[in-house]
Amino acid sequence: MADDKILSYNDVVLRRSDLSILSGPYFLNDRIIEFYFSYLETSYASQDILLVPPSISFWIANCPDVESLKDFVVPLKFPDKKVIIFAVNNNNDVNMAEGGTHWSLLAYERNSYVFVHHDSMAGSNRSAAKNLCSAVVGFMGLSDDSGKGAEFMECSTMPQQTNGYDCGLYVTSIAKAICIWHKNAGSEEKSDLWFSALNEDVKPSVVSMTRKHILWLIENLMAKK
């Protein structure tokens, strides 16, 4: 029963066990984050923004064959995007499905020439995020005569989780905040990027409601089938 398919949304297939994860205080899996990323892309549709599914981010970061990685990444058209959002997981074992113990978010903003890492347990995923950054930077279509690569920075104003299982909810909440920022002001050059929105939209009291919101979304979509 836990493996029964309950919903197909765009390219994402959700299982009954995913509802159990959302019903309790549990660590989010790849499928739930991928579903919400897909929902955000539909809700804030733009040719300029890309939310990369967690499974793809994981493979990019850990693919042992650089040549095959090129064939895999080029179709994603990174150079055409102004904002690219990646879910970062600390699992580095390609043979272990659903591995890892922590999620964070890495966002690339082209106008500012920067990768910003958002970690709700500060420092926990820095190594994994930098590894992913190193893997993708060569595919961004960057041209800098100085030879300097895009900057990697930690978001110093990132709200911190208050338990050991809500990291995935922080990732979904940050992704939503960035999508809203991009829709409203992303074309403007603003020095703080989306940072000022994080303290309002990603504080613990708001994040805790995201679990119920995602569950409600799924149940609503199921009812319409």
C-alpha atoms as a PDB file:
ATOM      1  CA  MET A   1       0.000   0.000   0.000  1.00  0.00           C
ATOM      2  CA  ALA A   2       2.822   2.413   0.840  1.00  0.00           C
ATOM      3  CA  ASP A   3       4.130   2.112  -2.734  1.00  0.00           C
ATOM      4  CA  ASP A   4       0.752   2.690  -4.373  1.00  0.00           C
ATOM      5  CA  LYS A   5       0.791   5.567  -6.840  1.00  0.00           C
ATOM      6  CA  ILE A   6      -1.544   8.325  -5.695  1.00  0.00           C
ATOM      7  CA  LEU A   7      -0.752  11.181  -8.066  1.00  0.00           C
ATOM      8  CA  SER A   8       1.083  12.008 -11.282  1.00  0.00           C
ATOM      9  CA  TYR A   9       1.898  15.696 -11.538  1.00  0.00           C
ATOM     10  CA  ASN A  10       3.859  16.846 -14.575  1.00  0.00           C
ATOM     11  CA  ASP A  11       6.756  14.338 -14.509  1.00  0.00           C
ATOM     12  CA  VAL A  12       6.508  13.577 -10.783  1.00  0.00           C
ATOM     13  CA  VAL A  13       4.883  10.415  -9.407  1.00  0.00           C
ATOM     14  CA  LEU A  14       3.891  10.488  -5.738  1.00  0.00           C
ATOM     15  CA  ARG A  15       3.287   7.415  -3.571  1.00  0.00           C
ATOM     16  CA  ARG A  16       1.037   6.843  -0.575  1.00  0.00           C
ATOM     17  CA  SER A  17       4.087   6.801   1.700  1.00  0.00           C
ATOM     18  CA  ASP A  18       4.709  10.432   0.749  1.00  0.00           C
ATOM     19  CA  LEU A  19       1.453  11.404   2.453  1.00  0.00           C
ATOM     20  CA  SER A  20       2.673   9.726   5.636  1.00  0.00           C
ATOM     21  CA  ILE A  21       5.857  11.805   5.535  1.00  0.00           C
ATOM     22  CA  LEU A  22       3.822  14.986   5.204  1.00  0.00           C
ATOM     23  CA  SER A  23       1.396  13.957   7.934  1.00  0.00           C
ATOM     24  CA  GLY A  24       4.106  13.668  10.565  1.00  0.00           C
ATOM     25  CA  PRO A  25       7.292  15.416  11.620  1.00  0.00           C
ATOM     26  CA  TYR A  26       9.537  13.560   9.170  1.00  0.00           C
ATOM     27  CA  PHE A  27      12.473  14.314   6.856  1.00  0.00           C
ATOM     28  CA  LEU A  28      11.222  15.140   3.338  1.00  0.00           C
ATOM     29  CA  ASN A  29      12.244  12.808   0.528  1.00  0.00           C
ATOM     30  CA  ASP A  30      13.281  13.610  -3.050  1.00  0.00           C
ATOM     31  CA  ARG A  31       9.806  13.067  -4.488  1.00  0.00           C
ATOM     32  CA  ILE A  32       8.077  15.611  -2.274  1.00  0.00           C
ATOM     33  CA  ILE A  33      10.681  18.291  -2.977  1.00  0.00           C
ATOM     34  CA  GLU A  34      10.571  17.484  -6.696  1.00  0.00           C
ATOM     35  CA  PHE A  35       6.766  17.772  -6.637  1.00  0.00           C
ATOM     36  CA  TYR A  36       6.896  21.169  -4.969  1.00  0.00           C
ATOM     37  CA  PHE A  37       9.612  22.426  -7.317  1.00  0.00           C
ATOM     38  CA  SER A  38       7.420  21.365 -10.245  1.00  0.00           C
ATOM     39  CA  TYR A  39       4.424  23.086  -8.655  1.00  0.00           C
ATOM     40  CA  LEU A  40       6.428  26.315  -8.258  1.00  0.00           C
ATOM     41  CA  GLU A  41       7.568  26.197 -11.889  1.00  0.00           C
ATOM     42  CA  THR A  42       3.923  25.873 -12.948  1.00  0.00           C
ATOM     43  CA  SER A  43       2.687  28.576 -10.558  1.00  0.00           C
ATOM     44  CA  TYR A  44       5.443  31.090 -11.324  1.00  0.00           C
ATOM     45  CA  ALA A  45       5.986  30.140 -14.940  1.00  0.00           C
ATOM     46  CA  SER A  46       8.956  31.886 -16.518  1.00  0.00           C
ATOM     47  CA  GLN A  47      11.508  31.008 -19.168  1.00  0.00           C
ATOM     48  CA  ASP A  48      14.145  32.706 -16.998  1.00  0.00           C
ATOM     49  CA  ILE A  49      13.989  30.476 -13.919  1.00  0.00           C
ATOM     50  CA  LEU A  50      14.755  26.775 -13.471  1.00  0.00           C
ATOM     51  CA  LEU A  51      14.162  24.584 -10.421  1.00  0.00           C
ATOM     52  CA  VAL A  52      16.316  21.490 -10.808  1.00  0.00           C
ATOM     53  CA  PRO A  53      14.825  18.247  -9.395  1.00  0.00           C
ATOM     54  CA  PRO A  54      16.794  16.860  -6.414  1.00  0.00           C
ATOM     55  CA  SER A  55      17.659  13.613  -8.208  1.00  0.00           C
ATOM     56  CA  ILE A  56      19.225  15.573 -11.068  1.00  0.00           C
ATOM     57  CA  SER A  57      21.168  17.859  -8.718  1.00  0.00           C
ATOM     58  CA  PHE A  58      22.462  14.776  -6.928  1.00  0.00           C
ATOM     59  CA  TRP A  59      23.616  13.138 -10.149  1.00  0.00           C
ATOM     60  CA  ILE A  60      25.313  16.313 -11.379  1.00  0.00           C
ATOM     61  CA  ALA A  61      27.232  16.609  -8.109  1.00  0.00           C
ATOM     62  CA  ASN A  62      28.272  12.958  -7.988  1.00  0.00           C
ATOM     63  CA  CYS A  63      28.541  11.808 -11.613  1.00  0.00           C
ATOM     64  CA  PRO A  64      31.921  10.062 -12.036  1.00  0.00           C
ATOM     65  CA  ASP A  65      32.078  10.577 -15.823  1.00  0.00           C
ATOM     66  CA  VAL A  66      32.572  14.191 -16.926  1.00  0.00           C
ATOM     67  CA  GLU A  67      31.788  13.441 -20.569  1.00  0.00           C
ATOM     68  CA  SER A  68      28.455  11.799 -19.834  1.00  0.00           C
ATOM     69  CA  LEU A  69      27.664  14.656 -17.443  1.00  0.00           C
ATOM     70  CA  LYS A  70      28.003  17.103 -20.321  1.00  0.00           C
ATOM     71  CA  ASP A  71      25.430  15.197 -22.373  1.00  0.00           C
ATOM     72  CA  PHE A  72      23.153  15.194 -19.357  1.00  0.00           C
ATOM     73  CA  VAL A  73      23.448  18.874 -18.351  1.00  0.00           C
ATOM     74  CA  VAL A  74      23.538  20.703 -21.711  1.00  0.00           C
ATOM     75  CA  PRO A  75      19.826  19.977 -22.480  1.00  0.00           C
ATOM     76  CA  LEU A  76      18.890  21.803 -19.250  1.00  0.00           C
ATOM     77  CA  LYS A  77      19.971  25.069 -20.965  1.00  0.00           C
ATOM     78  CA  PHE A  78      21.580  26.672 -17.916  1.00  0.00           C
ATOM     79  CA  PRO A  79      22.973  29.625 -19.962  1.00  0.00           C
ATOM     80  CA  ASP A  80      19.408  30.689 -20.857  1.00  0.00           C
ATOM     81  CA  LYS A  81      18.311  31.043 -17.214  1.00  0.00           C
ATOM     82  CA  LYS A  82      18.599  34.082 -14.957  1.00  0.00           C
ATOM     83  CA  VAL A  83      17.908  32.103 -11.778  1.00  0.00           C
ATOM     84  CA  ILE A  84      18.646  28.406 -11.193  1.00  0.00           C
ATOM     85  CA  ILE A  85      17.627  26.651  -7.971  1.00  0.00           C
ATOM     86  CA  PHE A  86      19.204  23.394  -6.788  1.00  0.00           C
ATOM     87  CA  ALA A  87      18.309  21.194  -3.815  1.00  0.00           C
ATOM     88  CA  VAL A  88      21.519  20.065  -2.083  1.00  0.00           C
ATOM     89  CA  ASN A  89      21.751  16.776  -0.187  1.00  0.00           C
ATOM     90  CA  ASN A  90      24.749  15.564   1.819  1.00  0.00           C
ATOM     91  CA  ASN A  91      24.532  12.047   0.375  1.00  0.00           C
ATOM     92  CA  ASN A  92      27.567  11.306  -1.827  1.00  0.00           C
ATOM     93  CA  ASP A  93      26.930   7.614  -2.472  1.00  0.00           C
ATOM     94  CA  VAL A  94      25.405   7.102  -5.918  1.00  0.00           C
ATOM     95  CA  ASN A  95      24.470   3.533  -4.935  1.00  0.00           C
ATOM     96  CA  MET A  96      22.324   4.669  -2.014  1.00  0.00           C
ATOM     97  CA  ALA A  97      18.826   5.791  -2.995  1.00  0.00           C
ATOM     98  CA  GLU A  98      17.130   8.244  -0.619  1.00  0.00           C
ATOM     99  CA  GLY A  99      20.386   8.641   1.291  1.00  0.00           C
ATOM    100  CA  GLY A 100      21.621  11.680   3.153  1.00  0.00           C
ATOM    101  CA  THR A 101      20.582  13.399   6.355  1.00  0.00           C
ATOM    102  CA  HIS A 102      20.272  17.062   5.425  1.00  0.00           C
ATOM    103  CA  TRP A 103      18.857  19.324   2.704  1.00  0.00           C
ATOM    104  CA  SER A 104      19.925  22.844   1.783  1.00  0.00           C
ATOM    105  CA  LEU A 105      19.415  25.086  -1.242  1.00  0.00           C
ATOM    106  CA  LEU A 106      21.865  26.524  -3.752  1.00  0.00           C
ATOM    107  CA  ALA A 107      20.659  29.343  -6.010  1.00  0.00           C
ATOM    108  CA  TYR A 108      22.485  30.898  -8.954  1.00  0.00           C
ATOM    109  CA  GLU A 109      21.614  34.495  -9.910  1.00  0.00           C
ATOM    110  CA  ARG A 110      23.055  35.525 -13.258  1.00  0.00           C
ATOM    111  CA  ASN A 111      22.890  39.332 -12.936  1.00  0.00           C
ATOM    112  CA  SER A 112      24.904  39.193  -9.716  1.00  0.00           C
ATOM    113  CA  TYR A 113      27.202  36.442 -10.987  1.00  0.00           C
ATOM    114  CA  VAL A 114      26.817  34.542  -7.721  1.00  0.00           C
ATOM    115  CA  PHE A 115      25.907  31.147  -6.231  1.00  0.00           C
ATOM    116  CA  VAL A 116      24.153  31.601  -2.889  1.00  0.00           C
ATOM    117  CA  HIS A 117      23.954  28.709  -0.434  1.00  0.00           C
ATOM    118  CA  HIS A 118      21.054  28.666   2.018  1.00  0.00           C
ATOM    119  CA  ASP A 119      21.556  26.239   4.901  1.00  0.00           C
ATOM    120  CA  SER A 120      19.057  26.017   7.770  1.00  0.00           C
ATOM    121  CA  MET A 121      21.768  24.299   9.843  1.00  0.00           C
ATOM    122  CA  ALA A 122      24.601  26.707   9.137  1.00  0.00           C
ATOM    123  CA  GLY A 123      27.694  25.048   7.714  1.00  0.00           C
ATOM    124  CA  SER A 124      26.264  21.512   7.622  1.00  0.00           C
ATOM    125  CA  ASN A 125      26.008  21.268   3.831  1.00  0.00           C
ATOM    126  CA  ARG A 126      28.717  23.711   2.765  1.00  0.00           C
ATOM    127  CA  SER A 127      30.978  20.993   1.355  1.00  0.00           C
ATOM    128  CA  ALA A 128      28.139  19.365  -0.621  1.00  0.00           C
ATOM    129  CA  ALA A 129      27.006  22.760  -1.943  1.00  0.00           C
ATOM    130  CA  LYS A 130      30.513  23.735  -3.070  1.00  0.00           C
ATOM    131  CA  ASN A 131      30.884  20.355  -4.774  1.00  0.00           C
ATOM    132  CA  LEU A 132      27.648  20.932  -6.704  1.00  0.00           C
ATOM    133  CA  CYS A 133      28.710  24.491  -7.535  1.00  0.00           C
ATOM    134  CA  SER A 134      32.022  23.236  -8.953  1.00  0.00           C
ATOM    135  CA  ALA A 135      30.185  20.645 -11.049  1.00  0.00           C
ATOM    136  CA  VAL A 136      27.751  23.112 -12.662  1.00  0.00           C
ATOM    137  CA  VAL A 137      29.718  26.347 -13.003  1.00  0.00           C
ATOM    138  CA  GLY A 138      31.322  25.250 -16.261  1.00  0.00           C
ATOM    139  CA  PHE A 139      27.881  24.777 -17.824  1.00  0.00           C
ATOM    140  CA  MET A 140      26.516  28.245 -16.955  1.00  0.00           C
ATOM    141  CA  GLY A 141      27.791  29.945 -20.104  1.00  0.00           C
ATOM    142  CA  LEU A 142      29.796  32.449 -18.081  1.00  0.00           C
ATOM    143  CA  SER A 143      32.256  34.792 -19.750  1.00  0.00           C
ATOM    144  CA  ASP A 144      34.581  36.770 -17.550  1.00  0.00           C
ATOM    145  CA  ASP A 145      37.759  38.238 -19.047  1.00  0.00           C
ATOM    146  CA  SER A 146      39.325  38.382 -15.612  1.00  0.00           C
ATOM    147  CA  GLY A 147      39.236  34.624 -15.424  1.00  0.00           C
ATOM    148  CA  LYS A 148      37.440  34.786 -12.098  1.00  0.00           C
ATOM    149  CA  GLY A 149      34.706  32.234 -11.559  1.00  0.00           C
ATOM    150  CA  ALA A 150      31.248  33.051 -10.223  1.00  0.00           C
ATOM    151  CA  GLU A 151      31.291  33.841  -6.511  1.00  0.00           C
ATOM    152  CA  PHE A 152      30.108  31.269  -3.963  1.00  0.00           C
ATOM    153  CA  MET A 153      28.637  32.723  -0.790  1.00  0.00           C
ATOM    154  CA  GLU A 154      26.683  31.609   2.250  1.00  0.00           C
ATOM    155  CA  CYS A 155      23.458  33.475   2.980  1.00  0.00           C
ATOM    156  CA  SER A 156      24.325  35.096   6.322  1.00  0.00           C
ATOM    157  CA  THR A 157      20.698  36.023   7.068  1.00  0.00           C
ATOM    158  CA  MET A 158      19.385  32.500   6.553  1.00  0.00           C
ATOM    159  CA  PRO A 159      16.802  31.557   9.253  1.00  0.00           C
ATOM    160  CA  GLN A 160      17.765  28.428  11.185  1.00  0.00           C
ATOM    161  CA  GLN A 161      15.625  25.369  11.825  1.00  0.00           C
ATOM    162  CA  THR A 162      14.670  24.507  15.374  1.00  0.00           C
ATOM    163  CA  ASN A 163      14.489  20.708  14.982  1.00  0.00           C
ATOM    164  CA  GLY A 164      16.239  17.899  13.139  1.00  0.00           C
ATOM    165  CA  TYR A 165      13.732  17.169  10.378  1.00  0.00           C
ATOM    166  CA  ASP A 166      12.428  20.384   8.769  1.00  0.00           C
ATOM    167  CA  CYS A 167      15.410  21.098   6.474  1.00  0.00           C
ATOM    168  CA  GLY A 168      13.468  20.018   3.370  1.00  0.00           C
ATOM    169  CA  LEU A 169      10.658  22.390   4.294  1.00  0.00           C
ATOM    170  CA  TYR A 170      13.165  25.219   4.480  1.00  0.00           C
ATOM    171  CA  VAL A 171      14.322  24.299   0.983  1.00  0.00           C
ATOM    172  CA  THR A 172      10.759  24.454  -0.381  1.00  0.00           C
ATOM    173  CA  SER A 173      10.057  27.722   1.459  1.00  0.00           C
ATOM    174  CA  ILE A 174      13.255  29.381   0.192  1.00  0.00           C
ATOM    175  CA  ALA A 175      12.525  28.206  -3.352  1.00  0.00           C
ATOM    176  CA  LYS A 176       9.074  29.797  -3.166  1.00  0.00           C
ATOM    177  CA  ALA A 177      10.486  33.059  -1.769  1.00  0.00           C
ATOM    178  CA  ILE A 178      13.001  33.244  -4.636  1.00  0.00           C
ATOM    179  CA  CYS A 179      10.295  32.536  -7.233  1.00  0.00           C
ATOM    180  CA  ILE A 180       8.146  35.337  -5.819  1.00  0.00           C
ATOM    181  CA  TRP A 181      11.144  37.687  -5.723  1.00  0.00           C
ATOM    182  CA  HIS A 182      11.971  36.848  -9.324  1.00  0.00           C
ATOM    183  CA  LYS A 183       8.390  37.447 -10.458  1.00  0.00           C
ATOM    184  CA  ASN A 184       8.097  40.787  -8.637  1.00  0.00           C
ATOM    185  CA  ALA A 185      11.551  42.301  -8.845  1.00  0.00           C
ATOM    186  CA  GLY A 186      13.993  39.805 -10.243  1.00  0.00           C
ATOM    187  CA  SER A 187      14.710  41.886 -13.321  1.00  0.00           C
ATOM    188  CA  GLU A 188      15.850  44.797 -11.176  1.00  0.00           C
ATOM    189  CA  GLU A 189      19.405  45.020  -9.905  1.00  0.00           C
ATOM    190  CA  LYS A 190      19.076  44.796  -6.116  1.00  0.00           C
ATOM    191  CA  SER A 191      22.100  44.343  -3.920  1.00  0.00           C
ATOM    192  CA  ASP A 192      20.358  42.163  -1.351  1.00  0.00           C
ATOM    193  CA  LEU A 193      18.789  39.868  -3.975  1.00  0.00           C
ATOM    194  CA  TRP A 194      15.958  37.987  -2.200  1.00  0.00           C
ATOM    195  CA  PHE A 195      17.623  38.105   1.238  1.00  0.00           C
ATOM    196  CA  SER A 196      15.239  40.628   2.800  1.00  0.00           C
ATOM    197  CA  ALA A 197      12.292  38.336   2.066  1.00  0.00           C
ATOM    198  CA  LEU A 198      13.789  35.365   3.910  1.00  0.00           C
ATOM    199  CA  ASN A 199      13.236  36.711   7.426  1.00  0.00           C
ATOM    200  CA  GLU A 200       9.539  37.194   6.670  1.00  0.00           C
ATOM    201  CA  ASP A 201       8.773  34.205   4.457  1.00  0.00           C
ATOM    202  CA  VAL A 202      11.143  31.552   5.835  1.00  0.00           C
ATOM    203  CA  LYS A 203      10.917  32.001   9.579  1.00  0.00           C
ATOM    204  CA  PRO A 204      10.167  28.827  11.622  1.00  0.00           C
ATOM    205  CA  SER A 205       6.493  29.654  12.239  1.00  0.00           C
ATOM    206  CA  VAL A 206       5.866  30.018   8.501  1.00  0.00           C
ATOM    207  CA  VAL A 207       7.971  27.003   7.502  1.00  0.00           C
ATOM    208  CA  SER A 208       6.061  24.748   9.896  1.00  0.00           C
ATOM    209  CA  MET A 209       2.878  25.497   7.950  1.00  0.00           C
ATOM    210  CA  THR A 210       4.495  24.505   4.647  1.00  0.00           C
ATOM    211  CA  ARG A 211       4.162  20.803   5.481  1.00  0.00           C
ATOM    212  CA  LYS A 212       0.373  21.178   5.757  1.00  0.00           C
ATOM    213  CA  HIS A 213       0.303  23.354   2.651  1.00  0.00           C
ATOM    214  CA  ILE A 214       2.081  20.743   0.503  1.00  0.00           C
ATOM    215  CA  LEU A 215      -0.173  18.001   1.862  1.00  0.00           C
ATOM    216  CA  TRP A 216      -3.211  20.142   1.037  1.00  0.00           C
ATOM    217  CA  LEU A 217      -1.928  20.724  -2.499  1.00  0.00           C
ATOM    218  CA  ILE A 218      -1.468  17.010  -3.108  1.00  0.00           C
ATOM    219  CA  GLU A 219      -4.866  16.075  -1.683  1.00  0.00           C
ATOM    220  CA  ASN A 220      -6.507  18.822  -3.759  1.00  0.00           C
ATOM    221  CA  LEU A 221      -4.870  17.556  -6.947  1.00  0.00           C
ATOM    222  CA  MET A 222      -5.856  13.986  -6.078  1.00  0.00           C
ATOM    223  CA  ALA A 223      -9.487  15.067  -5.657  1.00  0.00           C
ATOM    224  CA  LYS A 224      -9.496  16.619  -9.118  1.00  0.00           C
ATOM    225  CA  LYS A 225      -8.317  13.428 -10.831  1.00  0.00           C
END
